[in-house]
Amino acid sequence: MPEETKKTDGDTSAVSKQDVNVGMGIVAYLIFFIPLLTDSKDDPFVKFHVKQGLNLLIFAVVGSVVSGIIPVIGWFILGPIISIASLVLGIMGIINAANKEMKELPLIGKYAAQYLKF
């Protein structure tokens, strides 16, 4: 007969390190440097998502600057496309972190490992 595990309702003191790391992986897509200020910075899972989050931020900033420089086409076509793409990629990254997966973001994820060495 398999052992039954007791579940206590309302007991929040038993938060595992893995749950904290998943939380830090999610935070990495919102504010990438916060996980680097915690004890989770040495976890490979958190590092992966911090790199992906930083890569996403770089994509959004460079895309916004480029679309702001190009008159009309950049302002009305390229800008909204980059904004929506950044939002979608951020949501995909958060979902991957919440599901405890280390999937690269489409299109931009492969570059994170190439130039982000920490």
N, C-alpha and C. Protein backbone atom coordinates (compact mmCIF):
# COMPACT_ATOMS: atom_id res chain seq x y z
N MET A 1 0.85 -1.18 0.00
CA MET A 1 0.00 0.00 0.00
C MET A 1 0.89 1.24 0.00
N PRO A 2 0.68 2.18 -0.92
CA PRO A 2 1.53 3.37 -0.98
C PRO A 2 1.30 4.28 0.21
N GLU A 3 2.38 4.96 0.58
CA GLU A 3 2.28 5.88 1.70
C GLU A 3 1.50 7.12 1.29
N GLU A 4 0.71 7.59 2.23
CA GLU A 4 -0.06 8.80 1.97
C GLU A 4 0.71 9.99 2.53
N THR A 5 0.70 11.05 1.81
CA THR A 5 1.36 12.26 2.31
C THR A 5 0.31 13.17 2.91
N LYS A 6 0.65 13.74 4.02
CA LYS A 6 -0.30 14.64 4.68
C LYS A 6 -0.16 16.03 4.09
N LYS A 7 -1.28 16.62 3.85
CA LYS A 7 -1.32 17.95 3.30
C LYS A 7 -1.94 18.87 4.35
N THR A 8 -1.23 19.92 4.67
CA THR A 8 -1.77 20.84 5.66
C THR A 8 -2.31 22.06 4.93
N ASP A 9 -3.52 22.40 5.25
CA ASP A 9 -4.14 23.58 4.64
C ASP A 9 -3.62 24.84 5.30
N GLY A 10 -3.24 25.80 4.48
CA GLY A 10 -2.80 27.08 5.00
C GLY A 10 -1.36 27.10 5.48
N ASP A 11 -0.61 26.03 5.30
CA ASP A 11 0.78 25.99 5.73
C ASP A 11 1.66 26.53 4.60
N THR A 12 2.09 27.76 4.73
CA THR A 12 2.93 28.38 3.71
C THR A 12 4.39 28.38 4.09
N SER A 13 4.74 27.81 5.23
CA SER A 13 6.13 27.82 5.68
C SER A 13 6.99 26.82 4.92
N ALA A 14 6.37 25.88 4.24
CA ALA A 14 7.11 24.84 3.55
C ALA A 14 7.26 25.14 2.06
N VAL A 15 7.77 26.32 1.74
CA VAL A 15 8.01 26.68 0.35
C VAL A 15 9.36 26.11 -0.05
N SER A 16 9.37 25.30 -1.09
CA SER A 16 10.61 24.64 -1.49
C SER A 16 11.51 25.60 -2.27
N LYS A 17 12.79 25.24 -2.34
CA LYS A 17 13.74 26.04 -3.09
C LYS A 17 13.38 26.04 -4.57
N GLN A 18 12.85 24.94 -5.06
CA GLN A 18 12.45 24.85 -6.47
C GLN A 18 11.32 25.85 -6.77
N ASP A 19 10.39 26.02 -5.83
CA ASP A 19 9.31 26.99 -6.02
C ASP A 19 9.84 28.41 -6.07
N VAL A 20 10.82 28.69 -5.21
CA VAL A 20 11.45 30.02 -5.21
C VAL A 20 12.16 30.25 -6.53
N ASN A 21 12.86 29.24 -7.03
CA ASN A 21 13.57 29.38 -8.30
C ASN A 21 12.62 29.56 -9.48
N VAL A 22 11.48 28.90 -9.44
CA VAL A 22 10.47 29.09 -10.48
C VAL A 22 9.96 30.53 -10.41
N GLY A 23 9.73 31.02 -9.22
CA GLY A 23 9.29 32.41 -9.04
C GLY A 23 10.33 33.39 -9.55
N MET A 24 11.59 33.12 -9.29
CA MET A 24 12.67 33.99 -9.77
C MET A 24 12.79 33.91 -11.29
N GLY A 25 12.51 32.74 -11.85
CA GLY A 25 12.51 32.59 -13.31
C GLY A 25 11.43 33.44 -13.95
N ILE A 26 10.28 33.52 -13.29
CA ILE A 26 9.19 34.36 -13.79
C ILE A 26 9.54 35.84 -13.65
N VAL A 27 10.10 36.20 -12.51
CA VAL A 27 10.49 37.60 -12.27
C VAL A 27 11.54 38.05 -13.27
N ALA A 28 12.37 37.14 -13.74
CA ALA A 28 13.44 37.48 -14.69
C ALA A 28 12.90 38.09 -15.97
N TYR A 29 11.68 37.77 -16.35
CA TYR A 29 11.09 38.35 -17.55
C TYR A 29 10.46 39.71 -17.29
N LEU A 30 10.19 40.01 -16.04
CA LEU A 30 9.59 41.30 -15.70
C LEU A 30 10.67 42.33 -15.38
N ILE A 31 11.57 41.97 -14.48
CA ILE A 31 12.71 42.83 -14.12
C ILE A 31 13.91 41.91 -14.00
N PHE A 32 14.70 41.81 -15.06
CA PHE A 32 15.69 40.76 -15.21
C PHE A 32 16.74 40.72 -14.11
N PHE A 33 17.10 41.85 -13.50
CA PHE A 33 18.23 41.85 -12.57
C PHE A 33 17.84 41.48 -11.14
N ILE A 34 16.57 41.46 -10.80
CA ILE A 34 16.14 41.12 -9.43
C ILE A 34 16.62 39.72 -9.02
N PRO A 35 16.47 38.68 -9.85
CA PRO A 35 16.97 37.37 -9.43
C PRO A 35 18.48 37.35 -9.19
N LEU A 36 19.22 38.25 -9.83
CA LEU A 36 20.67 38.29 -9.63
C LEU A 36 21.04 38.85 -8.26
N LEU A 37 20.11 39.50 -7.59
CA LEU A 37 20.35 40.06 -6.27
C LEU A 37 19.99 39.09 -5.14
N THR A 38 19.49 37.91 -5.48
CA THR A 38 19.05 36.95 -4.48
C THR A 38 19.99 35.74 -4.46
N ASP A 39 19.68 34.81 -3.57
CA ASP A 39 20.47 33.57 -3.47
C ASP A 39 20.24 32.65 -4.67
N SER A 40 19.24 32.91 -5.46
CA SER A 40 18.92 32.07 -6.62
C SER A 40 19.84 32.30 -7.80
N LYS A 41 20.74 33.28 -7.69
CA LYS A 41 21.58 33.64 -8.84
C LYS A 41 22.51 32.53 -9.30
N ASP A 42 22.79 31.55 -8.46
CA ASP A 42 23.68 30.46 -8.84
C ASP A 42 22.96 29.27 -9.46
N ASP A 43 21.64 29.32 -9.46
CA ASP A 43 20.85 28.22 -10.02
C ASP A 43 20.85 28.32 -11.56
N PRO A 44 21.19 27.23 -12.26
CA PRO A 44 21.21 27.26 -13.74
C PRO A 44 19.85 27.61 -14.36
N PHE A 45 18.77 27.17 -13.72
CA PHE A 45 17.42 27.48 -14.21
C PHE A 45 17.17 28.98 -14.19
N VAL A 46 17.52 29.61 -13.08
CA VAL A 46 17.31 31.06 -12.93
C VAL A 46 18.23 31.81 -13.89
N LYS A 47 19.49 31.39 -14.00
CA LYS A 47 20.43 32.05 -14.92
C LYS A 47 19.92 32.00 -16.35
N PHE A 48 19.39 30.85 -16.74
CA PHE A 48 18.87 30.71 -18.10
C PHE A 48 17.76 31.73 -18.36
N HIS A 49 16.82 31.84 -17.43
CA HIS A 49 15.70 32.75 -17.64
C HIS A 49 16.11 34.21 -17.49
N VAL A 50 17.13 34.50 -16.67
CA VAL A 50 17.65 35.86 -16.60
C VAL A 50 18.26 36.26 -17.94
N LYS A 51 19.01 35.35 -18.54
CA LYS A 51 19.60 35.63 -19.86
C LYS A 51 18.52 35.84 -20.91
N GLN A 52 17.50 35.01 -20.88
CA GLN A 52 16.41 35.16 -21.84
C GLN A 52 15.67 36.48 -21.61
N GLY A 53 15.45 36.84 -20.35
CA GLY A 53 14.78 38.11 -20.04
C GLY A 53 15.60 39.31 -20.46
N LEU A 54 16.91 39.26 -20.24
CA LEU A 54 17.79 40.35 -20.67
C LEU A 54 17.81 40.44 -22.20
N ASN A 55 17.84 39.32 -22.85
CA ASN A 55 17.81 39.27 -24.31
C ASN A 55 16.51 39.90 -24.83
N LEU A 56 15.41 39.61 -24.18
CA LEU A 56 14.12 40.19 -24.56
C LEU A 56 14.13 41.70 -24.36
N LEU A 57 14.71 42.16 -23.27
CA LEU A 57 14.80 43.60 -23.02
C LEU A 57 15.64 44.29 -24.09
N ILE A 58 16.77 43.70 -24.44
CA ILE A 58 17.62 44.26 -25.49
C ILE A 58 16.87 44.33 -26.81
N PHE A 59 16.14 43.27 -27.15
CA PHE A 59 15.34 43.24 -28.38
C PHE A 59 14.32 44.37 -28.38
N ALA A 60 13.62 44.56 -27.26
CA ALA A 60 12.58 45.58 -27.18
C ALA A 60 13.17 46.99 -27.28
N VAL A 61 14.28 47.23 -26.60
CA VAL A 61 14.88 48.56 -26.62
C VAL A 61 15.45 48.88 -28.00
N VAL A 62 16.22 47.96 -28.56
CA VAL A 62 16.80 48.20 -29.89
C VAL A 62 15.68 48.34 -30.93
N GLY A 63 14.68 47.51 -30.85
CA GLY A 63 13.56 47.61 -31.78
C GLY A 63 12.82 48.92 -31.67
N SER A 64 12.64 49.41 -30.45
CA SER A 64 11.96 50.69 -30.25
C SER A 64 12.78 51.84 -30.79
N VAL A 65 14.09 51.80 -30.56
CA VAL A 65 14.96 52.87 -31.06
C VAL A 65 14.97 52.87 -32.59
N VAL A 66 15.12 51.70 -33.18
CA VAL A 66 15.16 51.61 -34.65
C VAL A 66 13.82 52.05 -35.24
N SER A 67 12.72 51.62 -34.65
CA SER A 67 11.41 52.01 -35.20
C SER A 67 11.15 53.49 -34.97
N GLY A 68 11.75 54.08 -33.97
CA GLY A 68 11.59 55.52 -33.75
C GLY A 68 12.39 56.35 -34.72
N ILE A 69 13.48 55.80 -35.22
CA ILE A 69 14.34 56.53 -36.16
C ILE A 69 13.74 56.55 -37.56
N ILE A 70 13.10 55.46 -37.94
CA ILE A 70 12.55 55.34 -39.30
C ILE A 70 11.20 56.06 -39.34
N PRO A 71 11.09 57.13 -40.11
CA PRO A 71 9.82 57.87 -40.15
C PRO A 71 8.70 57.06 -40.78
N VAL A 72 7.52 57.30 -40.35
CA VAL A 72 6.25 56.76 -40.80
C VAL A 72 6.19 55.23 -40.75
N ILE A 73 6.98 54.54 -41.55
CA ILE A 73 6.94 53.07 -41.54
C ILE A 73 7.33 52.54 -40.15
N GLY A 74 8.37 53.10 -39.58
CA GLY A 74 8.80 52.67 -38.26
C GLY A 74 7.79 53.03 -37.19
N TRP A 75 7.22 54.22 -37.29
CA TRP A 75 6.29 54.67 -36.26
C TRP A 75 4.97 53.93 -36.28
N PHE A 76 4.45 53.66 -37.46
CA PHE A 76 3.10 53.11 -37.56
C PHE A 76 3.04 51.62 -37.88
N ILE A 77 4.13 51.05 -38.35
CA ILE A 77 4.11 49.63 -38.71
C ILE A 77 5.11 48.85 -37.86
N LEU A 78 6.37 49.22 -37.94
CA LEU A 78 7.42 48.48 -37.25
C LEU A 78 7.30 48.57 -35.73
N GLY A 79 7.00 49.75 -35.22
CA GLY A 79 6.89 49.96 -33.78
C GLY A 79 5.84 49.07 -33.12
N PRO A 80 4.61 49.09 -33.62
CA PRO A 80 3.59 48.21 -33.03
C PRO A 80 3.93 46.72 -33.16
N ILE A 81 4.54 46.34 -34.27
CA ILE A 81 4.90 44.92 -34.45
C ILE A 81 5.93 44.51 -33.40
N ILE A 82 6.93 45.36 -33.18
CA ILE A 82 7.96 45.04 -32.18
C ILE A 82 7.37 45.02 -30.78
N SER A 83 6.48 45.95 -30.48
CA SER A 83 5.84 45.97 -29.17
C SER A 83 5.02 44.71 -28.91
N ILE A 84 4.23 44.31 -29.88
CA ILE A 84 3.41 43.11 -29.73
C ILE A 84 4.30 41.87 -29.65
N ALA A 85 5.35 41.81 -30.47
CA ALA A 85 6.26 40.67 -30.43
C ALA A 85 6.95 40.58 -29.07
N SER A 86 7.35 41.71 -28.50
CA SER A 86 7.98 41.71 -27.18
C SER A 86 7.02 41.21 -26.11
N LEU A 87 5.78 41.64 -26.19
CA LEU A 87 4.78 41.19 -25.23
C LEU A 87 4.54 39.69 -25.34
N VAL A 88 4.39 39.21 -26.55
CA VAL A 88 4.13 37.77 -26.77
C VAL A 88 5.33 36.94 -26.31
N LEU A 89 6.55 37.37 -26.65
CA LEU A 89 7.74 36.63 -26.23
C LEU A 89 7.88 36.64 -24.71
N GLY A 90 7.56 37.76 -24.08
CA GLY A 90 7.60 37.82 -22.62
C GLY A 90 6.62 36.86 -21.97
N ILE A 91 5.42 36.80 -22.51
CA ILE A 91 4.41 35.87 -21.99
C ILE A 91 4.86 34.42 -22.20
N MET A 92 5.45 34.14 -23.36
CA MET A 92 5.95 32.79 -23.61
C MET A 92 7.05 32.42 -22.62
N GLY A 93 7.94 33.35 -22.33
CA GLY A 93 9.00 33.10 -21.36
C GLY A 93 8.46 32.86 -19.96
N ILE A 94 7.47 33.64 -19.56
CA ILE A 94 6.85 33.45 -18.24
C ILE A 94 6.18 32.09 -18.16
N ILE A 95 5.50 31.69 -19.21
CA ILE A 95 4.85 30.38 -19.22
C ILE A 95 5.89 29.27 -19.14
N ASN A 96 7.00 29.40 -19.88
CA ASN A 96 8.06 28.41 -19.81
C ASN A 96 8.64 28.31 -18.40
N ALA A 97 8.87 29.44 -17.77
CA ALA A 97 9.42 29.44 -16.41
C ALA A 97 8.42 28.82 -15.43
N ALA A 98 7.15 29.15 -15.57
CA ALA A 98 6.12 28.60 -14.68
C ALA A 98 5.98 27.10 -14.85
N ASN A 99 6.23 26.59 -16.06
CA ASN A 99 6.16 25.15 -16.32
C ASN A 99 7.48 24.44 -16.06
N LYS A 100 8.44 25.16 -15.51
CA LYS A 100 9.76 24.62 -15.16
C LYS A 100 10.51 24.10 -16.39
N GLU A 101 10.35 24.79 -17.50
CA GLU A 101 11.02 24.41 -18.74
C GLU A 101 12.10 25.43 -19.06
N MET A 102 13.15 24.94 -19.70
CA MET A 102 14.24 25.82 -20.11
C MET A 102 14.25 25.90 -21.64
N LYS A 103 13.18 26.43 -22.21
CA LYS A 103 13.06 26.59 -23.66
C LYS A 103 13.51 27.99 -24.04
N GLU A 104 14.27 28.07 -25.14
CA GLU A 104 14.67 29.37 -25.64
C GLU A 104 13.48 30.06 -26.28
N LEU A 105 13.47 31.38 -26.20
CA LEU A 105 12.42 32.15 -26.85
C LEU A 105 12.60 32.04 -28.37
N PRO A 106 11.51 31.98 -29.12
CA PRO A 106 11.63 31.90 -30.57
C PRO A 106 12.32 33.15 -31.14
N LEU A 107 13.07 32.96 -32.17
CA LEU A 107 13.76 34.01 -32.92
C LEU A 107 14.93 34.66 -32.18
N ILE A 108 14.76 35.03 -30.91
CA ILE A 108 15.81 35.77 -30.21
C ILE A 108 16.51 34.96 -29.13
N GLY A 109 15.96 33.86 -28.72
CA GLY A 109 16.49 33.09 -27.60
C GLY A 109 17.87 32.50 -27.81
N LYS A 110 18.19 32.15 -29.05
CA LYS A 110 19.47 31.51 -29.33
C LYS A 110 20.64 32.47 -29.14
N TYR A 111 20.39 33.76 -29.19
CA TYR A 111 21.47 34.73 -29.05
C TYR A 111 21.87 34.98 -27.60
N ALA A 112 21.03 34.62 -26.66
CA ALA A 112 21.31 34.87 -25.25
C ALA A 112 22.56 34.13 -24.80
N ALA A 113 22.74 32.89 -25.20
CA ALA A 113 23.89 32.11 -24.78
C ALA A 113 25.17 32.58 -25.47
N GLN A 114 25.04 33.22 -26.62
CA GLN A 114 26.22 33.63 -27.38
C GLN A 114 26.91 34.85 -26.78
N TYR A 115 26.16 35.84 -26.36
CA TYR A 115 26.81 37.07 -25.91
C TYR A 115 26.58 37.40 -24.45
N LEU A 116 25.79 36.64 -23.76
CA LEU A 116 25.57 36.87 -22.33
C LEU A 116 26.32 35.80 -21.54
N LYS A 117 27.47 36.13 -21.04
CA LYS A 117 28.31 35.15 -20.32
C LYS A 117 28.37 35.51 -18.84
N PHE A 118 27.42 35.03 -18.08
CA PHE A 118 27.47 35.17 -16.61
C PHE A 118 26.85 33.99 -15.97
